[in-house]
């Protein structure tokens, strides 16, 4: 059996035991339940692949950063039943739901990352579709938070809007931004590898598009983190997946 077949079998096995109860208010359920769970399974696949890539043992402490109402956390709970989960989000109701449904330790999120309680000794961070909505300062704050949160050898699995997103944005000019705003984001992306604009209805939160080289360079500026892998459009055939490791040799930087 190939590594891919083994990975797919593991995902199928875990997802067969996932809690499929969806909380009222979970806006990620915007279509059939099967679609919702497919996205959850896709996230789990990237996490298991990252752990396989880095040779990491089963994590004991797992942080779901930007947990929402647990679209991915339900898969993490099923995959790592003995792990201590941490649920962080700016939506207090979402955090409370994850604490009640999946036994997670609640961590109140904030638009100002420096105001979030600093967790430590984390073996695995899942950060799905968070950096995709932040400006450069937001990226820096979140990545530094992960650098402090991870235990030595810990793994962060982080998604970004890369070249696939740029192509899609060029085709339909949507994603919650006016066409002229998307054009500005794309112009900046093509000029320097990073483009961002706020949603009109939510200052400080919007859409970012990043080239792989820009995302990797930004991550490697973070003290203690090294790049273990980068896979384009690996989550839901849409978002890129970047795998970062807390490197003991770089802790002094």
Foldseek 3Di string as FASTA:
>chain_A
DDPVVVLVVLLVVLLVPFDLDDDPPQPCPPDDSVVLQLLLSLLVSLQVVLCVLLVHDQWQEEEEAQQFQNSNPSSVCSNRVNHAYEYEHCDPVSQVNCCVPRVHHYWHYDLQLVPTDQAAQGQEYEAECDVQWADLVSLLSVLLSVLRHHDAFHKYKHWYFEDLNLVVCVVPVPQQDHNVQSVQQSVVCVVPFKGHDHRPVDPRTGGMYGYPVVSQVSNVVHFQKHWSDWAQCSRPSGIIITMITRHPVRNVD
